[in-house]
PDB file of N, CA and C in Angstrom:
ATOM      1  N   MET A   1     -24.500  85.930 144.175  1.00  0.00           N
ATOM      2  CA  MET A   1     -24.043  84.975 145.162  1.00  0.00           C
ATOM      3  C   MET A   1     -23.681  83.638 144.508  1.00  0.00           C
ATOM      4  N   ARG A   2     -24.451  83.196 143.546  1.00  0.00           N
ATOM      5  CA  ARG A   2     -24.193  81.906 142.913  1.00  0.00           C
ATOM      6  C   ARG A   2     -22.991  81.960 141.977  1.00  0.00           C
ATOM      7  N   LYS A   3     -22.636  83.145 141.499  1.00  0.00           N
ATOM      8  CA  LYS A   3     -21.470  83.256 140.630  1.00  0.00           C
ATOM      9  C   LYS A   3     -20.194  82.928 141.394  1.00  0.00           C
ATOM     10  N   LYS A   4     -20.191  83.180 142.692  1.00  0.00           N
ATOM     11  CA  LYS A   4     -19.036  82.851 143.507  1.00  0.00           C
ATOM     12  C   LYS A   4     -18.778  81.341 143.478  1.00  0.00           C
ATOM     13  N   TYR A   5     -19.820  80.548 143.585  1.00  0.00           N
ATOM     14  CA  TYR A   5     -19.675  79.092 143.524  1.00  0.00           C
ATOM     15  C   TYR A   5     -19.259  78.633 142.131  1.00  0.00           C
ATOM     16  N   LEU A   6     -19.773  79.280 141.127  1.00  0.00           N
ATOM     17  CA  LEU A   6     -19.406  78.934 139.760  1.00  0.00           C
ATOM     18  C   LEU A   6     -17.928  79.191 139.516  1.00  0.00           C
ATOM     19  N   TYR A   7     -17.418  80.302 139.997  1.00  0.00           N
ATOM     20  CA  TYR A   7     -16.001  80.603 139.845  1.00  0.00           C
ATOM     21  C   TYR A   7     -15.135  79.624 140.640  1.00  0.00           C
ATOM     22  N   PHE A   8     -15.596  79.245 141.816  1.00  0.00           N
ATOM     23  CA  PHE A   8     -14.862  78.278 142.622  1.00  0.00           C
ATOM     24  C   PHE A   8     -14.768  76.933 141.910  1.00  0.00           C
ATOM     25  N   PHE A   9     -15.875  76.433 141.382  1.00  0.00           N
ATOM     26  CA  PHE A   9     -15.857  75.144 140.694  1.00  0.00           C
ATOM     27  C   PHE A   9     -15.073  75.215 139.383  1.00  0.00           C
ATOM     28  N   ALA A  10     -15.109  76.339 138.723  1.00  0.00           N
ATOM     29  CA  ALA A  10     -14.310  76.499 137.504  1.00  0.00           C
ATOM     30  C   ALA A  10     -12.818  76.490 137.828  1.00  0.00           C
ATOM     31  N   ALA A  11     -12.419  77.135 138.901  1.00  0.00           N
ATOM     32  CA  ALA A  11     -11.011  77.134 139.311  1.00  0.00           C
ATOM     33  C   ALA A  11     -10.571  75.743 139.747  1.00  0.00           C
ATOM     34  N   ALA A  12     -11.438  75.017 140.444  1.00  0.00           N
ATOM     35  CA  ALA A  12     -11.108  73.654 140.856  1.00  0.00           C
ATOM     36  C   ALA A  12     -10.957  72.748 139.641  1.00  0.00           C
ATOM     37  N   HIS A  13     -11.822  72.907 138.657  1.00  0.00           N
ATOM     38  CA  HIS A  13     -11.743  72.104 137.446  1.00  0.00           C
ATOM     39  C   HIS A  13     -10.469  72.423 136.662  1.00  0.00           C
ATOM     40  N   LEU A  14     -10.108  73.669 136.591  1.00  0.00           N
ATOM     41  CA  LEU A  14      -8.873  74.067 135.924  1.00  0.00           C
ATOM     42  C   LEU A  14      -7.655  73.470 136.624  1.00  0.00           C
ATOM     43  N   SER A  15      -7.657  73.508 137.939  1.00  0.00           N
ATOM     44  CA  SER A  15      -6.553  72.932 138.702  1.00  0.00           C
ATOM     45  C   SER A  15      -6.422  71.432 138.464  1.00  0.00           C
ATOM     46  N   VAL A  16      -7.532  70.725 138.431  1.00  0.00           N
ATOM     47  CA  VAL A  16      -7.505  69.282 138.186  1.00  0.00           C
ATOM     48  C   VAL A  16      -6.999  68.993 136.780  1.00  0.00           C
ATOM     49  N   ASP A  17      -7.448  69.747 135.801  1.00  0.00           N
ATOM     50  CA  ASP A  17      -7.006  69.521 134.426  1.00  0.00           C
ATOM     51  C   ASP A  17      -5.509  69.764 134.254  1.00  0.00           C
ATOM     52  N   ILE A  18      -5.005  70.812 134.879  1.00  0.00           N
ATOM     53  CA  ILE A  18      -3.578  71.118 134.765  1.00  0.00           C
ATOM     54  C   ILE A  18      -2.747  70.049 135.466  1.00  0.00           C
ATOM     55  N   ASN A  19      -3.154  69.653 136.659  1.00  0.00           N
ATOM     56  CA  ASN A  19      -2.381  68.657 137.406  1.00  0.00           C
ATOM     57  C   ASN A  19      -2.433  67.287 136.750  1.00  0.00           C
ATOM     58  N   THR A  20      -3.565  66.900 136.195  1.00  0.00           N
ATOM     59  CA  THR A  20      -3.673  65.609 135.536  1.00  0.00           C
ATOM     60  C   THR A  20      -2.797  65.551 134.295  1.00  0.00           C
ATOM     61  N   GLY A  21      -2.689  66.633 133.583  1.00  0.00           N
ATOM     62  CA  GLY A  21      -1.849  66.660 132.396  1.00  0.00           C
ATOM     63  C   GLY A  21      -0.373  66.784 132.715  1.00  0.00           C
ATOM     64  N   ALA A  22      -0.041  67.387 133.834  1.00  0.00           N
ATOM     65  CA  ALA A  22       1.359  67.603 134.184  1.00  0.00           C
ATOM     66  C   ALA A  22       1.990  66.400 134.872  1.00  0.00           C
ATOM     67  N   LEU A  23       1.193  65.572 135.511  1.00  0.00           N
ATOM     68  CA  LEU A  23       1.756  64.455 136.267  1.00  0.00           C
ATOM     69  C   LEU A  23       2.542  63.467 135.407  1.00  0.00           C
ATOM     70  N   PRO A  24       2.050  63.030 134.249  1.00  0.00           N
ATOM     71  CA  PRO A  24       2.872  62.118 133.438  1.00  0.00           C
ATOM     72  C   PRO A  24       4.187  62.747 132.974  1.00  0.00           C
ATOM     73  N   ALA A  25       4.218  64.042 132.842  1.00  0.00           N
ATOM     74  CA  ALA A  25       5.444  64.709 132.409  1.00  0.00           C
ATOM     75  C   ALA A  25       6.501  64.754 133.508  1.00  0.00           C
ATOM     76  N   ILE A  26       6.079  64.783 134.767  1.00  0.00           N
ATOM     77  CA  ILE A  26       7.055  64.864 135.853  1.00  0.00           C
ATOM     78  C   ILE A  26       7.366  63.510 136.479  1.00  0.00           C
ATOM     79  N   LEU A  27       6.719  62.449 136.043  1.00  0.00           N
ATOM     80  CA  LEU A  27       7.013  61.122 136.594  1.00  0.00           C
ATOM     81  C   LEU A  27       8.465  60.695 136.407  1.00  0.00           C
ATOM     82  N   PRO A  28       9.112  60.960 135.263  1.00  0.00           N
ATOM     83  CA  PRO A  28      10.538  60.583 135.167  1.00  0.00           C
ATOM     84  C   PRO A  28      11.422  61.278 136.204  1.00  0.00           C
ATOM     85  N   PHE A  29      11.084  62.488 136.589  1.00  0.00           N
ATOM     86  CA  PHE A  29      11.844  63.172 137.625  1.00  0.00           C
ATOM     87  C   PHE A  29      11.626  62.521 138.984  1.00  0.00           C
ATOM     88  N   PHE A  30      10.397  62.060 139.257  1.00  0.00           N
ATOM     89  CA  PHE A  30      10.139  61.327 140.493  1.00  0.00           C
ATOM     90  C   PHE A  30      10.939  60.039 140.547  1.00  0.00           C
ATOM     91  N   VAL A  31      11.054  59.370 139.410  1.00  0.00           N
ATOM     92  CA  VAL A  31      11.815  58.120 139.355  1.00  0.00           C
ATOM     93  C   VAL A  31      13.283  58.386 139.660  1.00  0.00           C
ATOM     94  N   SER A  32      13.842  59.430 139.088  1.00  0.00           N
ATOM     95  CA  SER A  32      15.265  59.689 139.297  1.00  0.00           C
ATOM     96  C   SER A  32      15.564  60.246 140.696  1.00  0.00           C
ATOM     97  N   TYR A  33      14.698  61.105 141.234  1.00  0.00           N
ATOM     98  CA  TYR A  33      14.973  61.713 142.531  1.00  0.00           C
ATOM     99  C   TYR A  33      14.578  60.826 143.708  1.00  0.00           C
ATOM    100  N   TYR A  34      13.443  60.137 143.587  1.00  0.00           N
ATOM    101  CA  TYR A  34      12.916  59.358 144.704  1.00  0.00           C
ATOM    102  C   TYR A  34      13.057  57.851 144.509  1.00  0.00           C
ATOM    103  N   SER A  35      13.679  57.425 143.434  1.00  0.00           N
ATOM    104  CA  SER A  35      13.886  56.003 143.116  1.00  0.00           C
ATOM    105  C   SER A  35      12.568  55.227 143.156  1.00  0.00           C
ATOM    106  N   MET A  36      11.552  55.780 142.537  1.00  0.00           N
ATOM    107  CA  MET A  36      10.243  55.123 142.496  1.00  0.00           C
ATOM    108  C   MET A  36      10.272  53.998 141.454  1.00  0.00           C
ATOM    109  N   ASP A  37       9.508  52.952 141.721  1.00  0.00           N
ATOM    110  CA  ASP A  37       9.382  51.872 140.756  1.00  0.00           C
ATOM    111  C   ASP A  37       8.038  52.018 140.032  1.00  0.00           C
ATOM    112  N   TYR A  38       7.767  51.069 139.130  1.00  0.00           N
ATOM    113  CA  TYR A  38       6.536  51.149 138.348  1.00  0.00           C
ATOM    114  C   TYR A  38       5.292  51.025 139.226  1.00  0.00           C
ATOM    115  N   LYS A  39       5.387  50.256 140.282  1.00  0.00           N
ATOM    116  CA  LYS A  39       4.244  50.087 141.174  1.00  0.00           C
ATOM    117  C   LYS A  39       3.891  51.410 141.861  1.00  0.00           C
ATOM    118  N   ALA A  40       4.891  52.145 142.311  1.00  0.00           N
ATOM    119  CA  ALA A  40       4.652  53.432 142.969  1.00  0.00           C
ATOM    120  C   ALA A  40       4.128  54.472 141.976  1.00  0.00           C
ATOM    121  N   MET A  41       4.676  54.458 140.762  1.00  0.00           N
ATOM    122  CA  MET A  41       4.196  55.409 139.750  1.00  0.00           C
ATOM    123  C   MET A  41       2.751  55.117 139.375  1.00  0.00           C
ATOM    124  N   THR A  42       2.421  53.823 139.256  1.00  0.00           N
ATOM    125  CA  THR A  42       1.046  53.446 138.938  1.00  0.00           C
ATOM    126  C   THR A  42       0.098  53.868 140.054  1.00  0.00           C
ATOM    127  N   GLY A  43       0.524  53.691 141.289  1.00  0.00           N
ATOM    128  CA  GLY A  43      -0.295  54.121 142.425  1.00  0.00           C
ATOM    129  C   GLY A  43      -0.508  55.621 142.445  1.00  0.00           C
ATOM    130  N   LEU A  44       0.510  56.357 142.087  1.00  0.00           N
ATOM    131  CA  LEU A  44       0.390  57.812 142.029  1.00  0.00           C
ATOM    132  C   LEU A  44      -0.589  58.257 140.939  1.00  0.00           C
ATOM    133  N   MET A  45      -0.483  57.630 139.781  1.00  0.00           N
ATOM    134  CA  MET A  45      -1.413  57.955 138.695  1.00  0.00           C
ATOM    135  C   MET A  45      -2.842  57.541 139.044  1.00  0.00           C
ATOM    136  N   PHE A  46      -2.990  56.385 139.685  1.00  0.00           N
ATOM    137  CA  PHE A  46      -4.318  55.925 140.101  1.00  0.00           C
ATOM    138  C   PHE A  46      -4.922  56.882 141.123  1.00  0.00           C
ATOM    139  N   ALA A  47      -4.126  57.292 142.111  1.00  0.00           N
ATOM    140  CA  ALA A  47      -4.631  58.234 143.117  1.00  0.00           C
ATOM    141  C   ALA A  47      -5.011  59.564 142.481  1.00  0.00           C
ATOM    142  N   SER A  48      -4.229  59.998 141.525  1.00  0.00           N
ATOM    143  CA  SER A  48      -4.549  61.248 140.835  1.00  0.00           C
ATOM    144  C   SER A  48      -5.868  61.138 140.076  1.00  0.00           C
ATOM    145  N   SER A  49      -6.071  60.019 139.408  1.00  0.00           N
ATOM    146  CA  SER A  49      -7.307  59.830 138.660  1.00  0.00           C
ATOM    147  C   SER A  49      -8.522  59.745 139.565  1.00  0.00           C
ATOM    148  N   ILE A  50      -8.390  59.004 140.655  1.00  0.00           N
ATOM    149  CA  ILE A  50      -9.511  58.862 141.576  1.00  0.00           C
ATOM    150  C   ILE A  50      -9.833  60.187 142.249  1.00  0.00           C
ATOM    151  N   LEU A  51      -8.811  60.884 142.721  1.00  0.00           N
ATOM    152  CA  LEU A  51      -9.059  62.158 143.395  1.00  0.00           C
ATOM    153  C   LEU A  51      -9.589  63.227 142.447  1.00  0.00           C
ATOM    154  N   SER A  52      -9.200  63.176 141.195  1.00  0.00           N
ATOM    155  CA  SER A  52      -9.717  64.174 140.249  1.00  0.00           C
ATOM    156  C   SER A  52     -11.202  63.952 139.989  1.00  0.00           C
ATOM    157  N   SER A  53     -11.653  62.717 140.080  1.00  0.00           N
ATOM    158  CA  SER A  53     -13.090  62.481 139.874  1.00  0.00           C
ATOM    159  C   SER A  53     -13.907  62.954 141.075  1.00  0.00           C
ATOM    160  N   PHE A  54     -13.317  62.937 142.270  1.00  0.00           N
ATOM    161  CA  PHE A  54     -14.028  63.448 143.435  1.00  0.00           C
ATOM    162  C   PHE A  54     -14.110  64.966 143.418  1.00  0.00           C
ATOM    163  N   ILE A  55     -13.052  65.606 142.960  1.00  0.00           N
ATOM    164  CA  ILE A  55     -13.054  67.072 142.944  1.00  0.00           C
ATOM    165  C   ILE A  55     -13.985  67.544 141.855  1.00  0.00           C
TER     166      ILE A  55
END
């Protein structure tokens, strides 16, 4: 029964690691498609960092 929780937390940790590493790579595409400025990009990175610590 406890292995189910371990697998869930491992999958959540993997998802956070992949998304945190991929976000800086896709920020230039957000800038070109959505006309984001540095303030919006910084907010996105900050939200990603804060939410990854909660997960």
